[in-house]
N, C-alpha and C. Protein backbone atom coordinates (compact mmCIF):
# COMPACT_ATOMS: atom_id res chain seq x y z
N MET A 1 102.83 101.90 94.03
CA MET A 1 103.54 100.84 94.67
C MET A 1 104.99 101.28 94.89
N ILE A 2 105.56 100.86 96.00
CA ILE A 2 106.95 101.15 96.34
C ILE A 2 107.68 99.80 96.43
N VAL A 3 108.83 99.69 95.75
CA VAL A 3 109.58 98.43 95.76
C VAL A 3 111.00 98.68 96.24
N PHE A 4 111.65 97.62 96.66
CA PHE A 4 113.05 97.71 97.08
C PHE A 4 113.95 97.67 95.85
N GLY A 5 115.05 98.41 95.92
CA GLY A 5 115.97 98.53 94.81
C GLY A 5 116.48 97.21 94.29
N SER A 6 116.75 96.26 95.18
CA SER A 6 117.28 94.97 94.74
C SER A 6 116.26 94.22 93.88
N ARG A 7 114.99 94.46 94.11
CA ARG A 7 113.96 93.81 93.28
C ARG A 7 114.04 94.31 91.85
N SER A 8 114.34 95.58 91.67
CA SER A 8 114.44 96.13 90.32
C SER A 8 115.70 95.64 89.62
N GLU A 9 116.68 95.15 90.36
CA GLU A 9 117.91 94.62 89.76
C GLU A 9 117.75 93.20 89.25
N GLU A 10 116.70 92.52 89.68
CA GLU A 10 116.51 91.12 89.33
C GLU A 10 116.04 90.91 87.89
N GLY A 11 115.81 91.98 87.18
CA GLY A 11 115.36 91.87 85.81
C GLY A 11 113.86 91.66 85.69
N ILE A 12 113.15 91.76 86.79
CA ILE A 12 111.70 91.63 86.78
C ILE A 12 111.11 93.01 86.59
N LYS A 13 110.34 93.18 85.54
CA LYS A 13 109.73 94.48 85.30
C LYS A 13 108.56 94.68 86.25
N THR A 14 108.63 95.74 87.03
CA THR A 14 107.59 96.08 87.99
C THR A 14 107.25 97.55 87.83
N ASP A 15 105.97 97.84 87.64
CA ASP A 15 105.55 99.24 87.62
C ASP A 15 105.45 99.71 89.05
N ALA A 16 106.17 100.77 89.35
CA ALA A 16 106.17 101.31 90.71
C ALA A 16 106.39 102.81 90.64
N ASP A 17 105.96 103.50 91.68
CA ASP A 17 106.19 104.94 91.80
C ASP A 17 107.19 105.25 92.89
N GLY A 18 107.82 104.22 93.44
CA GLY A 18 108.81 104.46 94.47
C GLY A 18 109.82 103.33 94.55
N LEU A 19 111.06 103.72 94.87
CA LEU A 19 112.16 102.77 95.08
C LEU A 19 112.82 103.08 96.41
N VAL A 20 113.17 102.03 97.15
CA VAL A 20 113.85 102.18 98.43
C VAL A 20 115.11 101.32 98.40
N SER A 21 116.23 101.88 98.85
CA SER A 21 117.46 101.09 98.90
C SER A 21 117.36 100.07 100.03
N ASN A 22 117.83 98.88 99.75
CA ASN A 22 117.89 97.86 100.80
C ASN A 22 119.24 97.15 100.76
N LYS A 23 120.19 97.76 100.06
CA LYS A 23 121.58 97.30 100.03
C LYS A 23 122.46 98.55 100.01
N CYS A 24 123.69 98.39 100.40
CA CYS A 24 124.64 99.51 100.35
C CYS A 24 124.97 99.85 98.90
N ASN A 25 125.28 101.09 98.67
CA ASN A 25 125.76 101.59 97.38
C ASN A 25 124.80 101.36 96.22
N GLN A 26 123.52 101.50 96.47
CA GLN A 26 122.55 101.40 95.38
C GLN A 26 122.29 102.79 94.79
N ASN A 27 122.13 102.84 93.48
CA ASN A 27 121.69 104.05 92.79
C ASN A 27 120.23 103.85 92.44
N LEU A 28 119.39 104.75 92.86
CA LEU A 28 117.96 104.67 92.57
C LEU A 28 117.61 105.76 91.57
N TRP A 29 116.98 105.36 90.48
CA TRP A 29 116.63 106.29 89.40
C TRP A 29 115.12 106.37 89.25
N VAL A 30 114.64 107.57 88.94
CA VAL A 30 113.23 107.78 88.64
C VAL A 30 113.16 108.79 87.51
N TYR A 31 112.23 108.55 86.57
CA TYR A 31 112.08 109.56 85.52
C TYR A 31 110.74 110.25 85.66
N THR A 32 110.77 111.54 85.37
CA THR A 32 109.60 112.39 85.55
C THR A 32 109.49 113.37 84.38
N ALA A 33 108.30 113.91 84.20
CA ALA A 33 108.10 115.00 83.24
C ALA A 33 107.58 116.20 84.02
N ASP A 34 106.37 116.13 84.52
CA ASP A 34 105.82 117.22 85.31
C ASP A 34 105.60 116.83 86.77
N CYS A 35 105.59 115.53 87.04
CA CYS A 35 105.47 115.06 88.42
C CYS A 35 106.76 115.36 89.18
N MET A 36 106.67 115.26 90.50
CA MET A 36 107.82 115.57 91.35
C MET A 36 108.70 114.34 91.55
N PRO A 37 110.01 114.51 91.37
CA PRO A 37 110.91 113.50 91.92
C PRO A 37 111.14 113.90 93.38
N ILE A 38 110.86 113.01 94.30
CA ILE A 38 111.08 113.31 95.71
C ILE A 38 112.11 112.32 96.24
N PHE A 39 113.17 112.86 96.84
CA PHE A 39 114.28 112.04 97.34
C PHE A 39 114.30 112.06 98.86
N PHE A 40 114.58 110.90 99.44
CA PHE A 40 114.65 110.74 100.89
C PHE A 40 115.99 110.12 101.23
N ALA A 41 116.60 110.57 102.32
CA ALA A 41 117.85 109.98 102.79
C ALA A 41 117.86 109.98 104.31
N ASP A 42 118.26 108.86 104.87
CA ASP A 42 118.46 108.76 106.32
C ASP A 42 119.93 109.06 106.56
N LYS A 43 120.20 110.19 107.19
CA LYS A 43 121.60 110.61 107.35
C LYS A 43 122.38 109.72 108.32
N ARG A 44 121.69 108.90 109.12
CA ARG A 44 122.38 107.99 110.03
C ARG A 44 122.68 106.64 109.35
N THR A 45 121.65 106.01 108.77
CA THR A 45 121.83 104.68 108.18
C THR A 45 122.25 104.72 106.72
N ARG A 46 122.08 105.86 106.07
CA ARG A 46 122.37 106.05 104.65
C ARG A 46 121.39 105.33 103.73
N ASN A 47 120.24 104.89 104.27
CA ASN A 47 119.18 104.37 103.40
C ASN A 47 118.62 105.54 102.60
N VAL A 48 118.29 105.28 101.35
CA VAL A 48 117.72 106.31 100.49
C VAL A 48 116.48 105.77 99.80
N ALA A 49 115.69 106.70 99.27
CA ALA A 49 114.49 106.33 98.52
C ALA A 49 114.17 107.45 97.54
N THR A 50 113.39 107.12 96.53
CA THR A 50 112.91 108.13 95.59
C THR A 50 111.49 107.81 95.20
N LEU A 51 110.71 108.85 94.97
CA LEU A 51 109.33 108.72 94.55
C LEU A 51 109.09 109.49 93.26
N HIS A 52 108.24 108.95 92.42
CA HIS A 52 107.64 109.66 91.29
C HIS A 52 106.27 110.06 91.81
N CYS A 53 106.05 111.34 92.07
CA CYS A 53 104.86 111.75 92.81
C CYS A 53 104.14 112.91 92.13
N GLY A 54 102.90 112.66 91.78
CA GLY A 54 102.04 113.70 91.22
C GLY A 54 100.75 113.79 92.01
N ARG A 55 99.72 114.30 91.38
CA ARG A 55 98.43 114.47 92.06
C ARG A 55 97.91 113.14 92.58
N LYS A 56 97.92 112.11 91.77
CA LYS A 56 97.38 110.82 92.19
C LYS A 56 98.21 110.19 93.31
N GLY A 57 99.52 110.33 93.24
CA GLY A 57 100.38 109.81 94.31
C GLY A 57 100.11 110.50 95.63
N LEU A 58 99.90 111.82 95.59
CA LEU A 58 99.56 112.55 96.80
C LEU A 58 98.21 112.12 97.34
N GLU A 59 97.25 111.89 96.43
CA GLU A 59 95.94 111.42 96.87
C GLU A 59 96.02 110.04 97.53
N LYS A 60 96.93 109.20 97.03
CA LYS A 60 97.07 107.84 97.58
C LYS A 60 98.02 107.79 98.77
N LYS A 61 98.51 108.96 99.19
CA LYS A 61 99.39 109.07 100.37
C LYS A 61 100.69 108.26 100.21
N ILE A 62 101.30 108.38 99.04
CA ILE A 62 102.53 107.64 98.77
C ILE A 62 103.65 108.07 99.72
N ILE A 63 103.66 109.35 100.11
CA ILE A 63 104.69 109.83 101.05
C ILE A 63 104.54 109.12 102.39
N LYS A 64 103.33 109.04 102.89
CA LYS A 64 103.07 108.35 104.17
C LYS A 64 103.51 106.88 104.08
N ASN A 65 103.21 106.24 102.95
CA ASN A 65 103.60 104.84 102.77
C ASN A 65 105.11 104.66 102.77
N LEU A 66 105.82 105.60 102.17
CA LEU A 66 107.28 105.51 102.17
C LEU A 66 107.84 105.73 103.58
N ILE A 67 107.29 106.67 104.31
CA ILE A 67 107.75 106.94 105.67
C ILE A 67 107.55 105.70 106.55
N LYS A 68 106.47 104.94 106.31
CA LYS A 68 106.25 103.69 107.06
C LYS A 68 107.39 102.71 106.82
N ILE A 69 107.91 102.67 105.61
CA ILE A 69 109.05 101.79 105.31
C ILE A 69 110.27 102.25 106.09
N PHE A 70 110.51 103.56 106.14
CA PHE A 70 111.63 104.08 106.93
C PHE A 70 111.42 103.77 108.42
N ASP A 71 110.17 103.81 108.87
CA ASP A 71 109.88 103.42 110.25
C ASP A 71 110.32 101.98 110.52
N ASN A 72 110.08 101.10 109.55
CA ASN A 72 110.48 99.70 109.70
C ASN A 72 112.00 99.54 109.76
N PHE A 73 112.72 100.50 109.19
CA PHE A 73 114.19 100.51 109.29
C PHE A 73 114.66 101.06 110.63
N GLY A 74 113.74 101.61 111.42
CA GLY A 74 114.11 102.23 112.69
C GLY A 74 114.62 103.65 112.55
N THR A 75 114.24 104.31 111.47
CA THR A 75 114.70 105.67 111.18
C THR A 75 113.97 106.69 112.05
N SER A 76 114.73 107.62 112.61
CA SER A 76 114.16 108.74 113.34
C SER A 76 113.76 109.83 112.35
N ARG A 77 112.62 110.47 112.59
CA ARG A 77 112.16 111.55 111.71
C ARG A 77 113.22 112.66 111.60
N ASP A 78 113.95 112.92 112.67
CA ASP A 78 114.96 113.97 112.65
C ASP A 78 116.12 113.63 111.71
N ASN A 79 116.28 112.36 111.36
CA ASN A 79 117.37 111.95 110.48
C ASN A 79 116.98 111.87 109.01
N ILE A 80 115.71 112.10 108.70
CA ILE A 80 115.26 112.01 107.31
C ILE A 80 115.43 113.37 106.63
N LEU A 81 116.19 113.36 105.55
CA LEU A 81 116.36 114.54 104.70
C LEU A 81 115.53 114.32 103.44
N VAL A 82 114.85 115.37 102.97
CA VAL A 82 113.97 115.25 101.81
C VAL A 82 114.27 116.38 100.83
N ALA A 83 114.31 116.03 99.55
CA ALA A 83 114.46 117.03 98.48
C ALA A 83 113.38 116.78 97.44
N ILE A 84 112.63 117.83 97.12
CA ILE A 84 111.62 117.77 96.07
C ILE A 84 112.22 118.46 94.86
N GLY A 85 112.37 117.72 93.77
CA GLY A 85 113.04 118.23 92.58
C GLY A 85 112.12 119.02 91.66
N PRO A 86 112.65 119.43 90.50
CA PRO A 86 111.88 120.21 89.54
C PRO A 86 110.59 119.49 89.13
N ALA A 87 109.51 120.25 89.06
CA ALA A 87 108.20 119.73 88.67
C ALA A 87 107.35 120.90 88.20
N ILE A 88 106.18 120.60 87.72
CA ILE A 88 105.29 121.67 87.25
C ILE A 88 104.89 122.57 88.42
N SER A 89 104.87 123.86 88.18
CA SER A 89 104.48 124.81 89.23
C SER A 89 102.97 125.02 89.20
N LYS A 90 102.46 125.60 90.28
CA LYS A 90 101.01 125.79 90.39
C LYS A 90 100.48 126.71 89.29
N GLU A 91 101.30 127.63 88.79
CA GLU A 91 100.85 128.54 87.74
C GLU A 91 100.47 127.81 86.47
N TYR A 92 101.05 126.63 86.26
CA TYR A 92 100.80 125.88 85.03
C TYR A 92 100.04 124.58 85.26
N TYR A 93 99.79 124.24 86.51
CA TYR A 93 99.02 123.02 86.78
C TYR A 93 97.60 123.44 87.14
N LEU A 94 96.75 123.45 86.11
CA LEU A 94 95.40 123.95 86.26
C LEU A 94 94.41 122.80 86.18
N VAL A 95 93.47 122.78 87.12
CA VAL A 95 92.48 121.70 87.18
C VAL A 95 91.09 122.31 87.39
N ASP A 96 90.07 121.54 87.03
CA ASP A 96 88.71 122.02 87.24
C ASP A 96 88.37 121.93 88.73
N GLU A 97 87.27 122.58 89.11
CA GLU A 97 86.90 122.67 90.51
C GLU A 97 86.62 121.31 91.14
N MET A 98 86.00 120.40 90.39
CA MET A 98 85.69 119.08 90.94
C MET A 98 86.99 118.31 91.24
N THR A 99 87.95 118.38 90.34
CA THR A 99 89.25 117.71 90.56
C THR A 99 89.95 118.30 91.77
N LEU A 100 89.90 119.63 91.90
CA LEU A 100 90.54 120.30 93.03
C LEU A 100 89.90 119.87 94.35
N LYS A 101 88.57 119.86 94.41
CA LYS A 101 87.89 119.46 95.64
C LYS A 101 88.19 118.01 95.99
N GLU A 102 88.19 117.15 94.99
CA GLU A 102 88.49 115.73 95.23
C GLU A 102 89.93 115.57 95.72
N PHE A 103 90.84 116.34 95.15
CA PHE A 103 92.24 116.29 95.58
C PHE A 103 92.36 116.66 97.06
N TYR A 104 91.76 117.79 97.44
CA TYR A 104 91.86 118.22 98.84
C TYR A 104 91.17 117.25 99.78
N ARG A 105 90.10 116.63 99.33
CA ARG A 105 89.41 115.65 100.17
C ARG A 105 90.31 114.43 100.44
N LYS A 106 91.03 113.98 99.40
CA LYS A 106 91.85 112.78 99.53
C LYS A 106 93.26 113.06 100.07
N ALA A 107 93.87 114.15 99.64
CA ALA A 107 95.30 114.36 99.89
C ALA A 107 95.60 115.18 101.14
N GLU A 108 94.68 116.00 101.54
CA GLU A 108 94.99 116.92 102.63
C GLU A 108 94.52 116.40 103.98
N ASN A 109 95.32 116.67 104.99
CA ASN A 109 94.97 116.34 106.37
C ASN A 109 94.53 117.63 107.04
N LYS A 110 93.30 117.67 107.47
CA LYS A 110 92.78 118.90 108.08
C LYS A 110 93.56 119.33 109.32
N ASN A 111 94.12 118.36 110.06
CA ASN A 111 94.84 118.68 111.29
C ASN A 111 96.11 119.48 111.05
N ILE A 112 96.73 119.33 109.89
CA ILE A 112 98.00 120.02 109.62
C ILE A 112 97.79 121.53 109.56
N MET A 113 96.59 121.98 109.19
CA MET A 113 96.34 123.42 109.07
C MET A 113 96.63 124.16 110.37
N VAL A 114 96.46 123.49 111.49
CA VAL A 114 96.69 124.12 112.80
C VAL A 114 98.15 124.52 112.95
N ASN A 115 99.07 123.74 112.41
CA ASN A 115 100.49 123.95 112.61
C ASN A 115 101.14 124.87 111.57
N LEU A 116 100.38 125.32 110.58
CA LEU A 116 100.97 126.14 109.53
C LEU A 116 100.99 127.62 109.93
N THR A 117 102.00 128.33 109.43
CA THR A 117 102.06 129.77 109.63
C THR A 117 101.01 130.43 108.73
N LYS A 118 100.76 131.73 108.92
CA LYS A 118 99.78 132.43 108.09
C LYS A 118 100.19 132.38 106.62
N VAL A 119 101.46 132.56 106.32
CA VAL A 119 101.95 132.52 104.94
C VAL A 119 101.68 131.14 104.34
N GLU A 120 101.98 130.08 105.10
CA GLU A 120 101.74 128.73 104.61
C GLU A 120 100.25 128.47 104.41
N LYS A 121 99.41 128.98 105.31
CA LYS A 121 97.96 128.81 105.15
C LYS A 121 97.48 129.51 103.88
N ASP A 122 98.02 130.70 103.59
CA ASP A 122 97.63 131.41 102.38
C ASP A 122 97.98 130.62 101.13
N LEU A 123 99.07 129.86 101.19
CA LEU A 123 99.50 129.06 100.05
C LEU A 123 98.60 127.84 99.83
N CYS A 124 97.82 127.48 100.82
CA CYS A 124 96.95 126.31 100.72
C CYS A 124 95.82 126.52 99.74
N PHE A 125 95.42 127.74 99.54
CA PHE A 125 94.25 128.00 98.74
C PHE A 125 94.67 128.43 97.35
N SER A 126 94.02 127.85 96.35
CA SER A 126 94.41 128.10 94.97
C SER A 126 93.73 129.35 94.43
N ASN A 127 94.28 129.84 93.33
CA ASN A 127 93.69 130.95 92.62
C ASN A 127 92.86 130.40 91.47
N SER A 128 91.70 130.98 91.25
CA SER A 128 90.85 130.56 90.15
C SER A 128 91.20 131.41 88.92
N ILE A 129 91.26 130.74 87.77
CA ILE A 129 91.62 131.41 86.52
C ILE A 129 90.56 131.07 85.49
N HIS A 130 90.14 132.06 84.73
CA HIS A 130 89.18 131.84 83.65
C HIS A 130 89.98 131.69 82.36
N LEU A 131 89.92 130.49 81.75
CA LEU A 131 90.74 130.21 80.57
C LEU A 131 89.91 129.42 79.57
N LYS A 132 89.80 129.93 78.37
CA LYS A 132 89.09 129.25 77.29
C LYS A 132 87.69 128.80 77.71
N GLY A 133 86.97 129.69 78.37
CA GLY A 133 85.60 129.38 78.76
C GLY A 133 85.47 128.47 79.97
N GLN A 134 86.59 128.14 80.61
CA GLN A 134 86.55 127.27 81.79
C GLN A 134 87.08 128.02 83.00
N ASN A 135 86.53 127.71 84.15
CA ASN A 135 87.11 128.19 85.39
C ASN A 135 88.05 127.10 85.88
N LEU A 136 89.33 127.39 85.88
CA LEU A 136 90.33 126.43 86.31
C LEU A 136 91.01 126.94 87.57
N ASN A 137 91.57 126.02 88.32
CA ASN A 137 92.20 126.35 89.58
C ASN A 137 93.65 125.88 89.58
N GLN A 138 94.49 126.69 90.17
CA GLN A 138 95.90 126.30 90.32
C GLN A 138 96.02 125.28 91.44
N LEU A 139 96.78 124.23 91.17
CA LEU A 139 97.02 123.21 92.19
C LEU A 139 98.53 123.14 92.44
N ASP A 140 98.93 123.40 93.66
CA ASP A 140 100.34 123.44 94.03
C ASP A 140 100.77 122.09 94.61
N LEU A 141 101.27 121.21 93.73
CA LEU A 141 101.67 119.88 94.14
C LEU A 141 102.84 119.91 95.12
N LYS A 142 103.79 120.79 94.88
CA LYS A 142 104.96 120.86 95.77
C LYS A 142 104.54 121.26 97.19
N ARG A 143 103.64 122.21 97.28
CA ARG A 143 103.18 122.67 98.60
C ARG A 143 102.39 121.56 99.29
N SER A 144 101.60 120.82 98.54
CA SER A 144 100.85 119.70 99.14
C SER A 144 101.79 118.61 99.62
N ALA A 145 102.83 118.33 98.85
CA ALA A 145 103.82 117.33 99.28
C ALA A 145 104.51 117.82 100.56
N TYR A 146 104.83 119.10 100.60
CA TYR A 146 105.45 119.69 101.79
C TYR A 146 104.56 119.50 103.01
N ARG A 147 103.27 119.77 102.86
CA ARG A 147 102.34 119.62 103.98
C ARG A 147 102.23 118.15 104.41
N GLN A 148 102.24 117.23 103.45
CA GLN A 148 102.20 115.81 103.83
C GLN A 148 103.46 115.41 104.59
N LEU A 149 104.60 115.95 104.20
CA LEU A 149 105.85 115.67 104.92
C LEU A 149 105.78 116.21 106.34
N LEU A 150 105.27 117.43 106.50
CA LEU A 150 105.12 117.99 107.84
C LEU A 150 104.17 117.14 108.68
N ASN A 151 103.12 116.64 108.04
CA ASN A 151 102.16 115.80 108.73
C ASN A 151 102.79 114.50 109.22
N GLU A 152 103.85 114.06 108.55
CA GLU A 152 104.59 112.86 108.97
C GLU A 152 105.71 113.20 109.95
N ASN A 153 105.68 114.42 110.45
CA ASN A 153 106.65 114.90 111.45
C ASN A 153 108.08 114.98 110.94
N ILE A 154 108.24 115.24 109.65
CA ILE A 154 109.57 115.53 109.10
C ILE A 154 109.82 117.00 109.42
N PRO A 155 110.93 117.33 110.09
CA PRO A 155 111.20 118.74 110.41
C PRO A 155 111.30 119.59 109.14
N ASN A 156 110.69 120.78 109.16
CA ASN A 156 110.72 121.63 107.98
C ASN A 156 112.14 122.01 107.58
N THR A 157 113.07 122.00 108.53
CA THR A 157 114.47 122.32 108.21
C THR A 157 115.14 121.17 107.45
N ASN A 158 114.50 120.01 107.37
CA ASN A 158 115.05 118.86 106.65
C ASN A 158 114.46 118.70 105.26
N ILE A 159 113.65 119.69 104.83
CA ILE A 159 112.97 119.61 103.54
C ILE A 159 113.46 120.73 102.62
N ASP A 160 113.87 120.36 101.41
CA ASP A 160 114.29 121.35 100.41
C ASP A 160 113.39 121.18 99.19
N ILE A 161 112.89 122.30 98.67
CA ILE A 161 111.96 122.26 97.54
C ILE A 161 112.53 123.10 96.40
N SER A 162 112.71 122.47 95.24
CA SER A 162 113.18 123.20 94.06
C SER A 162 112.08 124.13 93.58
N ASN A 163 112.46 125.32 93.14
CA ASN A 163 111.48 126.25 92.58
C ASN A 163 111.46 126.20 91.05
N LEU A 164 112.17 125.23 90.46
CA LEU A 164 112.22 125.11 89.01
C LEU A 164 110.94 124.45 88.49
N CYS A 165 110.40 125.02 87.41
CA CYS A 165 109.15 124.53 86.82
C CYS A 165 109.45 123.83 85.49
N THR A 166 109.05 122.58 85.37
CA THR A 166 109.30 121.81 84.15
C THR A 166 108.50 122.34 82.97
N TYR A 167 107.35 122.93 83.23
CA TYR A 167 106.52 123.48 82.16
C TYR A 167 107.11 124.78 81.62
N LYS A 168 107.50 125.66 82.50
CA LYS A 168 107.97 127.00 82.13
C LYS A 168 109.35 126.97 81.46
N LEU A 169 110.25 126.14 81.96
CA LEU A 169 111.63 126.13 81.47
C LEU A 169 111.77 125.17 80.28
N LYS A 170 111.39 125.64 79.12
CA LYS A 170 111.30 124.82 77.91
C LYS A 170 112.64 124.24 77.47
N ASN A 171 113.71 124.97 77.66
CA ASN A 171 115.03 124.50 77.20
C ASN A 171 115.72 123.58 78.20
N GLU A 172 115.23 123.53 79.42
CA GLU A 172 115.87 122.73 80.46
C GLU A 172 115.15 121.42 80.77
N PHE A 173 113.82 121.41 80.61
CA PHE A 173 113.03 120.26 81.06
C PHE A 173 112.00 119.84 80.03
N ASN A 174 111.66 118.57 80.06
CA ASN A 174 110.55 118.04 79.28
C ASN A 174 109.28 118.19 80.10
N SER A 175 108.16 118.44 79.41
CA SER A 175 106.88 118.62 80.10
C SER A 175 105.77 117.98 79.28
N TRP A 176 105.08 117.03 79.87
CA TRP A 176 103.94 116.40 79.21
C TRP A 176 102.82 117.42 79.00
N ARG A 177 102.56 118.22 79.98
CA ARG A 177 101.46 119.19 79.87
C ARG A 177 101.75 120.27 78.83
N ARG A 178 103.01 120.61 78.64
CA ARG A 178 103.37 121.66 77.67
C ARG A 178 103.33 121.13 76.25
N SER A 179 103.92 119.94 76.00
CA SER A 179 104.10 119.51 74.61
C SER A 179 103.71 118.06 74.33
N LYS A 180 103.14 117.36 75.32
CA LYS A 180 102.74 115.96 75.16
C LYS A 180 103.90 115.06 74.73
N THR A 181 105.11 115.43 75.11
CA THR A 181 106.30 114.66 74.76
C THR A 181 106.40 113.40 75.60
N LEU A 182 107.01 112.39 75.05
CA LEU A 182 107.29 111.17 75.81
C LEU A 182 108.66 111.24 76.46
N SER A 183 109.42 112.29 76.18
CA SER A 183 110.73 112.48 76.79
C SER A 183 110.57 112.84 78.26
N ARG A 184 111.56 112.44 79.06
CA ARG A 184 111.50 112.65 80.50
C ARG A 184 112.86 113.09 81.03
N GLN A 185 112.86 113.57 82.29
CA GLN A 185 114.09 113.84 83.01
C GLN A 185 114.41 112.59 83.83
N TRP A 186 115.68 112.24 83.90
CA TRP A 186 116.13 111.17 84.79
C TRP A 186 116.69 111.81 86.05
N ASN A 187 116.26 111.31 87.18
CA ASN A 187 116.68 111.81 88.48
C ASN A 187 117.21 110.63 89.27
N PHE A 188 118.26 110.86 90.08
CA PHE A 188 118.77 109.72 90.85
C PHE A 188 119.33 110.16 92.19
N ILE A 189 119.41 109.17 93.08
CA ILE A 189 120.02 109.34 94.40
C ILE A 189 120.85 108.10 94.68
N CYS A 190 121.97 108.29 95.35
CA CYS A 190 122.88 107.17 95.67
C CYS A 190 122.91 106.95 97.17
N SER A 191 122.98 105.67 97.57
CA SER A 191 123.10 105.39 99.00
C SER A 191 124.56 105.30 99.39
């Protein structure tokens, strides 16, 4: 669910994976462990938004839903700037084959493959790893989010992706998958 920032100020507790500014000078905060904090800003209107986005959010097309809200604001795709913050990298996000197939069935748009370069197409396919008697597959959440943004006609020059991994960088980030900690990173954007 995506809610407007002023609703979160009313003292009403609402579980949501996205916040959108609907007043000037709002600070929007999201906490993450291994999921991606994704920030959106309209450089013309100064509207901003943030998402807590992981595998399930990508499957539910949370990015598409947020872009629809920006459409209602009259935002041009060329004016949307996007930053994907630190999150678990594909090397450490391992899933079984059934989860991987289900993810691609729900999260991926087959039409976007036509517009990708050869390098980007190569990144679409995961590597299989044999670990503790299981065949596991790497799932690149950041790359999938990038493809969903391209599918929403966000120019690739308006998208920035952090290469920092919350799992790998033990001293810098908390990671649920690494240590089952309840600690999180706080991320924010200001309008």
